[in-house]
C-alpha cells in the first residue's frame, strides 16, 4: 500500500480518507495475525502503520473541525 504524506491526505475528500484508514487498519490487523504465527521479518512495519493511522486520523479530525467552524460562522446565539 502506498504511504501518503500529510499534505496529500489534506487534499483528499472525506470518503477517500475513510477508505484509506480502513485499508491501513486491515493491513495492521493482517500483520498482527501473521505475527502471532511467526515473528515479522521487519517489526518496524507495525510502528509505521500505527503512526500512519494516527496521521490520517489527525487529518480527518482537522477536516471535521474545519467543517464545524465553517458552518457555525455567522450564527450567534442571542
PDB file of N, CA and C in Angstrom:
ATOM      1  N   UNK A   1       0.837  -1.170   0.000  1.00  0.00           N
ATOM      2  CA  UNK A   1       0.000   0.000   0.000  1.00  0.00           C
ATOM      3  C   UNK A   1       0.888   1.241   0.000  1.00  0.00           C
ATOM      4  N   UNK A   2       0.474   2.216  -0.745  1.00  0.00           N
ATOM      5  CA  UNK A   2       1.209   3.470  -0.846  1.00  0.00           C
ATOM      6  C   UNK A   2       1.052   4.292   0.430  1.00  0.00           C
ATOM      7  N   UNK A   3       2.154   4.824   0.935  1.00  0.00           N
ATOM      8  CA  UNK A   3       2.117   5.685   2.104  1.00  0.00           C
ATOM      9  C   UNK A   3       1.953   7.119   1.635  1.00  0.00           C
ATOM     10  N   UNK A   4       0.998   7.812   2.193  1.00  0.00           N
ATOM     11  CA  UNK A   4       0.718   9.177   1.799  1.00  0.00           C
ATOM     12  C   UNK A   4       1.301  10.163   2.796  1.00  0.00           C
ATOM     13  N   UNK A   5       1.663  11.331   2.299  1.00  0.00           N
ATOM     14  CA  UNK A   5       2.126  12.391   3.184  1.00  0.00           C
ATOM     15  C   UNK A   5       0.911  13.113   3.745  1.00  0.00           C
ATOM     16  N   UNK A   6       1.130  13.874   4.801  1.00  0.00           N
ATOM     17  CA  UNK A   6       0.042  14.631   5.409  1.00  0.00           C
ATOM     18  C   UNK A   6      -0.531  15.644   4.430  1.00  0.00           C
ATOM     19  N   UNK A   7       0.325  16.249   3.615  1.00  0.00           N
ATOM     20  CA  UNK A   7      -0.151  17.217   2.622  1.00  0.00           C
ATOM     21  C   UNK A   7      -1.090  16.557   1.623  1.00  0.00           C
ATOM     22  N   UNK A   8      -0.731  15.372   1.172  1.00  0.00           N
ATOM     23  CA  UNK A   8      -1.572  14.654   0.212  1.00  0.00           C
ATOM     24  C   UNK A   8      -2.905  14.262   0.856  1.00  0.00           C
ATOM     25  N   UNK A   9      -2.858  13.870   2.135  1.00  0.00           N
ATOM     26  CA  UNK A   9      -4.091  13.484   2.825  1.00  0.00           C
ATOM     27  C   UNK A   9      -5.022  14.675   2.989  1.00  0.00           C
ATOM     28  N   UNK A  10      -4.465  15.864   3.215  1.00  0.00           N
ATOM     29  CA  UNK A  10      -5.301  17.060   3.366  1.00  0.00           C
ATOM     30  C   UNK A  10      -6.048  17.392   2.078  1.00  0.00           C
ATOM     31  N   UNK A  11      -5.482  16.991   0.944  1.00  0.00           N
ATOM     32  CA  UNK A  11      -6.122  17.243  -0.348  1.00  0.00           C
ATOM     33  C   UNK A  11      -7.246  16.252  -0.641  1.00  0.00           C
ATOM     34  N   UNK A  12      -7.260  15.143   0.055  1.00  0.00           N
ATOM     35  CA  UNK A  12      -8.246  14.100  -0.204  1.00  0.00           C
ATOM     36  C   UNK A  12      -9.600  14.460   0.396  1.00  0.00           C
ATOM     37  N   UNK A  13     -10.650  13.916  -0.186  1.00  0.00           N
ATOM     38  CA  UNK A  13     -12.003  14.118   0.333  1.00  0.00           C
ATOM     39  C   UNK A  13     -12.251  13.149   1.494  1.00  0.00           C
ATOM     40  N   UNK A  14     -13.314  13.395   2.243  1.00  0.00           N
ATOM     41  CA  UNK A  14     -13.649  12.583   3.407  1.00  0.00           C
ATOM     42  C   UNK A  14     -13.781  11.092   3.123  1.00  0.00           C
ATOM     43  N   UNK A  15     -14.573  10.715   2.093  1.00  0.00           N
ATOM     44  CA  UNK A  15     -14.715   9.276   1.816  1.00  0.00           C
ATOM     45  C   UNK A  15     -13.402   8.607   1.418  1.00  0.00           C
ATOM     46  N   UNK A  16     -12.538   9.338   0.729  1.00  0.00           N
ATOM     47  CA  UNK A  16     -11.237   8.780   0.359  1.00  0.00           C
ATOM     48  C   UNK A  16     -10.393   8.522   1.606  1.00  0.00           C
ATOM     49  N   UNK A  17     -10.429   9.459   2.536  1.00  0.00           N
ATOM     50  CA  UNK A  17      -9.673   9.278   3.780  1.00  0.00           C
ATOM     51  C   UNK A  17     -10.221   8.110   4.593  1.00  0.00           C
ATOM     52  N   UNK A  18     -11.544   7.982   4.627  1.00  0.00           N
ATOM     53  CA  UNK A  18     -12.152   6.856   5.348  1.00  0.00           C
ATOM     54  C   UNK A  18     -11.721   5.524   4.755  1.00  0.00           C
ATOM     55  N   UNK A  19     -11.705   5.457   3.434  1.00  0.00           N
ATOM     56  CA  UNK A  19     -11.290   4.222   2.761  1.00  0.00           C
ATOM     57  C   UNK A  19      -9.805   3.943   3.030  1.00  0.00           C
ATOM     58  N   UNK A  20      -8.977   4.995   2.986  1.00  0.00           N
ATOM     59  CA  UNK A  20      -7.546   4.840   3.212  1.00  0.00           C
ATOM     60  C   UNK A  20      -7.257   4.335   4.627  1.00  0.00           C
ATOM     61  N   UNK A  21      -7.933   4.917   5.621  1.00  0.00           N
ATOM     62  CA  UNK A  21      -7.693   4.492   7.006  1.00  0.00           C
ATOM     63  C   UNK A  21      -8.210   3.067   7.227  1.00  0.00           C
ATOM     64  N   UNK A  22      -9.292   2.700   6.553  1.00  0.00           N
ATOM     65  CA  UNK A  22      -9.806   1.327   6.660  1.00  0.00           C
ATOM     66  C   UNK A  22      -8.780   0.346   6.101  1.00  0.00           C
ATOM     67  N   UNK A  23      -8.153   0.694   4.967  1.00  0.00           N
ATOM     68  CA  UNK A  23      -7.133  -0.174   4.379  1.00  0.00           C
ATOM     69  C   UNK A  23      -5.921  -0.306   5.301  1.00  0.00           C
ATOM     70  N   UNK A  24      -5.531   0.799   5.919  1.00  0.00           N
ATOM     71  CA  UNK A  24      -4.397   0.748   6.853  1.00  0.00           C
ATOM     72  C   UNK A  24      -4.706  -0.159   8.038  1.00  0.00           C
ATOM     73  N   UNK A  25      -5.910  -0.034   8.578  1.00  0.00           N
ATOM     74  CA  UNK A  25      -6.289  -0.861   9.734  1.00  0.00           C
ATOM     75  C   UNK A  25      -6.362  -2.335   9.358  1.00  0.00           C
ATOM     76  N   UNK A  26      -6.846  -2.635   8.153  1.00  0.00           N
ATOM     77  CA  UNK A  26      -6.875  -4.036   7.701  1.00  0.00           C
ATOM     78  C   UNK A  26      -5.462  -4.577   7.569  1.00  0.00           C
ATOM     79  N   UNK A  27      -4.559  -3.771   7.016  1.00  0.00           N
ATOM     80  CA  UNK A  27      -3.174  -4.203   6.869  1.00  0.00           C
ATOM     81  C   UNK A  27      -2.540  -4.442   8.237  1.00  0.00           C
ATOM     82  N   UNK A  28      -2.797  -3.558   9.187  1.00  0.00           N
ATOM     83  CA  UNK A  28      -2.269  -3.728  10.539  1.00  0.00           C
ATOM     84  C   UNK A  28      -2.810  -5.007  11.173  1.00  0.00           C
ATOM     85  N   UNK A  29      -4.101  -5.258  10.997  1.00  0.00           N
ATOM     86  CA  UNK A  29      -4.710  -6.479  11.531  1.00  0.00           C
ATOM     87  C   UNK A  29      -4.043  -7.718  10.932  1.00  0.00           C
ATOM     88  N   UNK A  30      -3.869  -7.709   9.607  1.00  0.00           N
ATOM     89  CA  UNK A  30      -3.261  -8.863   8.944  1.00  0.00           C
ATOM     90  C   UNK A  30      -1.837  -9.113   9.430  1.00  0.00           C
ATOM     91  N   UNK A  31      -1.086  -8.052   9.649  1.00  0.00           N
ATOM     92  CA  UNK A  31       0.282  -8.211  10.139  1.00  0.00           C
ATOM     93  C   UNK A  31       0.274  -8.763  11.558  1.00  0.00           C
ATOM     94  N   UNK A  32      -0.668  -8.303  12.382  1.00  0.00           N
ATOM     95  CA  UNK A  32      -0.754  -8.827  13.753  1.00  0.00           C
ATOM     96  C   UNK A  32      -1.117 -10.300  13.770  1.00  0.00           C
ATOM     97  N   UNK A  33      -2.000 -10.716  12.876  1.00  0.00           N
ATOM     98  CA  UNK A  33      -2.366 -12.134  12.800  1.00  0.00           C
ATOM     99  C   UNK A  33      -1.154 -12.954  12.385  1.00  0.00           C
ATOM    100  N   UNK A  34      -0.445 -12.486  11.354  1.00  0.00           N
ATOM    101  CA  UNK A  34       0.747 -13.201  10.914  1.00  0.00           C
ATOM    102  C   UNK A  34       1.810 -13.235  12.006  1.00  0.00           C
ATOM    103  N   UNK A  35       1.899 -12.156  12.794  1.00  0.00           N
ATOM    104  CA  UNK A  35       2.888 -12.087  13.873  1.00  0.00           C
ATOM    105  C   UNK A  35       2.608 -13.133  14.935  1.00  0.00           C
ATOM    106  N   UNK A  36       1.335 -13.475  15.126  1.00  0.00           N
ATOM    107  CA  UNK A  36       1.007 -14.490  16.125  1.00  0.00           C
ATOM    108  C   UNK A  36       1.503 -15.868  15.697  1.00  0.00           C
ATOM    109  N   UNK A  37       1.667 -16.058  14.397  1.00  0.00           N
ATOM    110  CA  UNK A  37       2.149 -17.341  13.891  1.00  0.00           C
ATOM    111  C   UNK A  37       3.665 -17.397  13.804  1.00  0.00           C
ATOM    112  N   UNK A  38       4.267 -16.283  13.425  1.00  0.00           N
ATOM    113  CA  UNK A  38       5.723 -16.222  13.329  1.00  0.00           C
ATOM    114  C   UNK A  38       6.165 -14.772  13.487  1.00  0.00           C
ATOM    115  N   UNK A  39       7.360 -14.550  13.970  1.00  0.00           N
ATOM    116  CA  UNK A  39       7.819 -13.163  14.140  1.00  0.00           C
ATOM    117  C   UNK A  39       7.933 -12.463  12.784  1.00  0.00           C
ATOM    118  N   UNK A  40       7.595 -11.179  12.736  1.00  0.00           N
ATOM    119  CA  UNK A  40       7.676 -10.461  11.468  1.00  0.00           C
ATOM    120  C   UNK A  40       9.120 -10.261  11.028  1.00  0.00           C
ATOM    121  N   UNK A  41       9.316 -10.213   9.720  1.00  0.00           N
ATOM    122  CA  UNK A  41      10.660 -10.001   9.187  1.00  0.00           C
ATOM    123  C   UNK A  41      11.141  -8.588   9.518  1.00  0.00           C
ATOM    124  N   UNK A  42      10.205  -7.636   9.529  1.00  0.00           N
ATOM    125  CA  UNK A  42      10.550  -6.256   9.821  1.00  0.00           C
ATOM    126  C   UNK A  42       9.548  -5.696  10.834  1.00  0.00           C
ATOM    127  N   UNK A  43       9.895  -5.721  12.112  1.00  0.00           N
ATOM    128  CA  UNK A  43       8.952  -5.271  13.137  1.00  0.00           C
ATOM    129  C   UNK A  43       8.649  -3.774  13.090  1.00  0.00           C
ATOM    130  N   UNK A  44       9.465  -3.009  12.390  1.00  0.00           N
ATOM    131  CA  UNK A  44       9.250  -1.572  12.279  1.00  0.00           C
ATOM    132  C   UNK A  44       7.981  -1.275  11.479  1.00  0.00           C
ATOM    133  N   UNK A  45       7.536  -2.210  10.671  1.00  0.00           N
ATOM    134  CA  UNK A  45       6.332  -2.009   9.860  1.00  0.00           C
ATOM    135  C   UNK A  45       5.125  -1.748  10.748  1.00  0.00           C
ATOM    136  N   UNK A  46       5.026  -2.446  11.863  1.00  0.00           N
ATOM    137  CA  UNK A  46       3.911  -2.233  12.789  1.00  0.00           C
ATOM    138  C   UNK A  46       3.900  -0.803  13.316  1.00  0.00           C
ATOM    139  N   UNK A  47       5.042  -0.323  13.727  1.00  0.00           N
ATOM    140  CA  UNK A  47       5.139   1.045  14.242  1.00  0.00           C
ATOM    141  C   UNK A  47       4.773   2.060  13.157  1.00  0.00           C
ATOM    142  N   UNK A  48       5.286   1.843  11.958  1.00  0.00           N
ATOM    143  CA  UNK A  48       4.992   2.762  10.859  1.00  0.00           C
ATOM    144  C   UNK A  48       3.509   2.787  10.525  1.00  0.00           C
ATOM    145  N   UNK A  49       2.871   1.623  10.538  1.00  0.00           N
ATOM    146  CA  UNK A  49       1.433   1.567  10.262  1.00  0.00           C
ATOM    147  C   UNK A  49       0.632   2.293  11.329  1.00  0.00           C
ATOM    148  N   UNK A  50       0.970   2.079  12.597  1.00  0.00           N
ATOM    149  CA  UNK A  50       0.271   2.781  13.676  1.00  0.00           C
ATOM    150  C   UNK A  50       0.426   4.287  13.543  1.00  0.00           C
ATOM    151  N   UNK A  51       1.604   4.727  13.202  1.00  0.00           N
ATOM    152  CA  UNK A  51       1.840   6.160  13.041  1.00  0.00           C
ATOM    153  C   UNK A  51       1.083   6.725  11.835  1.00  0.00           C
ATOM    154  N   UNK A  52       1.040   5.968  10.758  1.00  0.00           N
ATOM    155  CA  UNK A  52       0.307   6.417   9.571  1.00  0.00           C
ATOM    156  C   UNK A  52      -1.193   6.513   9.873  1.00  0.00           C
ATOM    157  N   UNK A  53      -1.712   5.564  10.653  1.00  0.00           N
ATOM    158  CA  UNK A  53      -3.120   5.615  11.064  1.00  0.00           C
ATOM    159  C   UNK A  53      -3.356   6.858  11.916  1.00  0.00           C
ATOM    160  N   UNK A  54      -2.442   7.160  12.823  1.00  0.00           N
ATOM    161  CA  UNK A  54      -2.582   8.345  13.678  1.00  0.00           C
ATOM    162  C   UNK A  54      -2.548   9.624  12.846  1.00  0.00           C
ATOM    163  N   UNK A  55      -1.657   9.693  11.868  1.00  0.00           N
ATOM    164  CA  UNK A  55      -1.601  10.869  10.993  1.00  0.00           C
ATOM    165  C   UNK A  55      -2.904  11.050  10.232  1.00  0.00           C
ATOM    166  N   UNK A  56      -3.409   9.953   9.706  1.00  0.00           N
ATOM    167  CA  UNK A  56      -4.652  10.016   8.933  1.00  0.00           C
ATOM    168  C   UNK A  56      -5.811  10.439   9.827  1.00  0.00           C
ATOM    169  N   UNK A  57      -5.876   9.889  11.027  1.00  0.00           N
ATOM    170  CA  UNK A  57      -6.948  10.249  11.949  1.00  0.00           C
ATOM    171  C   UNK A  57      -6.864  11.723  12.334  1.00  0.00           C
ATOM    172  N   UNK A  58      -5.647  12.238  12.472  1.00  0.00           N
ATOM    173  CA  UNK A  58      -5.463  13.654  12.780  1.00  0.00           C
ATOM    174  C   UNK A  58      -5.998  14.525  11.654  1.00  0.00           C
ATOM    175  N   UNK A  59      -5.702  14.166  10.413  1.00  0.00           N
ATOM    176  CA  UNK A  59      -6.196  14.940   9.273  1.00  0.00           C
ATOM    177  C   UNK A  59      -7.719  14.879   9.213  1.00  0.00           C
ATOM    178  N   UNK A  60      -8.297  13.713   9.470  1.00  0.00           N
ATOM    179  CA  UNK A  60      -9.759  13.577   9.462  1.00  0.00           C
ATOM    180  C   UNK A  60     -10.369  14.482  10.529  1.00  0.00           C
ATOM    181  N   UNK A  61      -9.798  14.489  11.731  1.00  0.00           N
ATOM    182  CA  UNK A  61     -10.323  15.330  12.807  1.00  0.00           C
ATOM    183  C   UNK A  61     -10.174  16.811  12.481  1.00  0.00           C
ATOM    184  N   UNK A  62      -9.064  17.183  11.855  1.00  0.00           N
ATOM    185  CA  UNK A  62      -8.873  18.580  11.462  1.00  0.00           C
ATOM    186  C   UNK A  62      -9.932  19.004  10.448  1.00  0.00           C
ATOM    187  N   UNK A  63     -10.216  18.133   9.491  1.00  0.00           N
ATOM    188  CA  UNK A  63     -11.232  18.447   8.485  1.00  0.00           C
ATOM    189  C   UNK A  63     -12.612  18.578   9.120  1.00  0.00           C
ATOM    190  N   UNK A  64     -12.926  17.714  10.079  1.00  0.00           N
ATOM    191  CA  UNK A  64     -14.223  17.795  10.763  1.00  0.00           C
ATOM    192  C   UNK A  64     -14.348  19.099  11.543  1.00  0.00           C
ATOM    193  N   UNK A  65     -13.264  19.505  12.214  1.00  0.00           N
ATOM    194  CA  UNK A  65     -13.290  20.764  12.951  1.00  0.00           C
ATOM    195  C   UNK A  65     -13.475  21.942  12.009  1.00  0.00           C
ATOM    196  N   UNK A  66     -12.799  21.905  10.858  1.00  0.00           N
ATOM    197  CA  UNK A  66     -12.949  22.981   9.877  1.00  0.00           C
ATOM    198  C   UNK A  66     -14.388  23.051   9.384  1.00  0.00           C
ATOM    199  N   UNK A  67     -14.995  21.889   9.144  1.00  0.00           N
ATOM    200  CA  UNK A  67     -16.381  21.860   8.674  1.00  0.00           C
ATOM    201  C   UNK A  67     -17.318  22.417   9.736  1.00  0.00           C
ATOM    202  N   UNK A  68     -17.080  22.083  10.996  1.00  0.00           N
ATOM    203  CA  UNK A  68     -17.936  22.569  12.076  1.00  0.00           C
ATOM    204  C   UNK A  68     -17.802  24.071  12.265  1.00  0.00           C
ATOM    205  N   UNK A  69     -16.599  24.592  12.168  1.00  0.00           N
ATOM    206  CA  UNK A  69     -16.420  26.030  12.357  1.00  0.00           C
ATOM    207  C   UNK A  69     -16.945  26.808  11.172  1.00  0.00           C
ATOM    208  N   UNK A  70     -16.848  26.261   9.980  1.00  0.00           N
ATOM    209  CA  UNK A  70     -17.334  26.990   8.797  1.00  0.00           C
ATOM    210  C   UNK A  70     -18.857  27.034   8.771  1.00  0.00           C
ATOM    211  N   UNK A  71     -19.532  26.030   9.317  1.00  0.00           N
ATOM    212  CA  UNK A  71     -20.985  26.040   9.327  1.00  0.00           C
ATOM    213  C   UNK A  71     -21.533  26.917  10.447  1.00  0.00           C
ATOM    214  N   UNK A  72     -20.753  27.120  11.504  1.00  0.00           N
ATOM    215  CA  UNK A  72     -21.243  27.912  12.618  1.00  0.00           C
ATOM    216  C   UNK A  72     -20.822  29.380  12.542  1.00  0.00           C
ATOM    217  N   UNK A  73     -20.042  29.741  11.541  1.00  0.00           N
ATOM    218  CA  UNK A  73     -19.605  31.127  11.383  1.00  0.00           C
ATOM    219  C   UNK A  73     -20.798  31.977  11.009  1.00  0.00           C
ATOM    220  N   UNK A  74     -20.959  33.094  11.681  1.00  0.00           N
ATOM    221  CA  UNK A  74     -22.041  33.999  11.361  1.00  0.00           C
ATOM    222  C   UNK A  74     -23.332  33.714  12.104  1.00  0.00           C
ATOM    223  N   UNK A  75     -23.382  32.651  12.856  1.00  0.00           N
ATOM    224  CA  UNK A  75     -24.576  32.364  13.643  1.00  0.00           C
ATOM    225  C   UNK A  75     -24.235  32.570  15.102  1.00  0.00           C
ATOM    226  N   UNK A  76     -24.922  33.530  15.706  1.00  0.00           N
ATOM    227  CA  UNK A  76     -24.692  33.804  17.112  1.00  0.00           C
ATOM    228  C   UNK A  76     -25.966  33.522  17.885  1.00  0.00           C
ATOM    229  N   UNK A  77     -25.786  32.972  19.037  1.00  0.00           N
ATOM    230  CA  UNK A  77     -26.934  32.743  19.916  1.00  0.00           C
ATOM    231  C   UNK A  77     -27.139  34.001  20.761  1.00  0.00           C
ATOM    232  N   UNK A  78     -28.316  34.541  20.690  1.00  0.00           N
ATOM    233  CA  UNK A  78     -28.572  35.790  21.427  1.00  0.00           C
ATOM    234  C   UNK A  78     -29.238  35.522  22.741  1.00  0.00           C
TER     235      UNK A  78
END
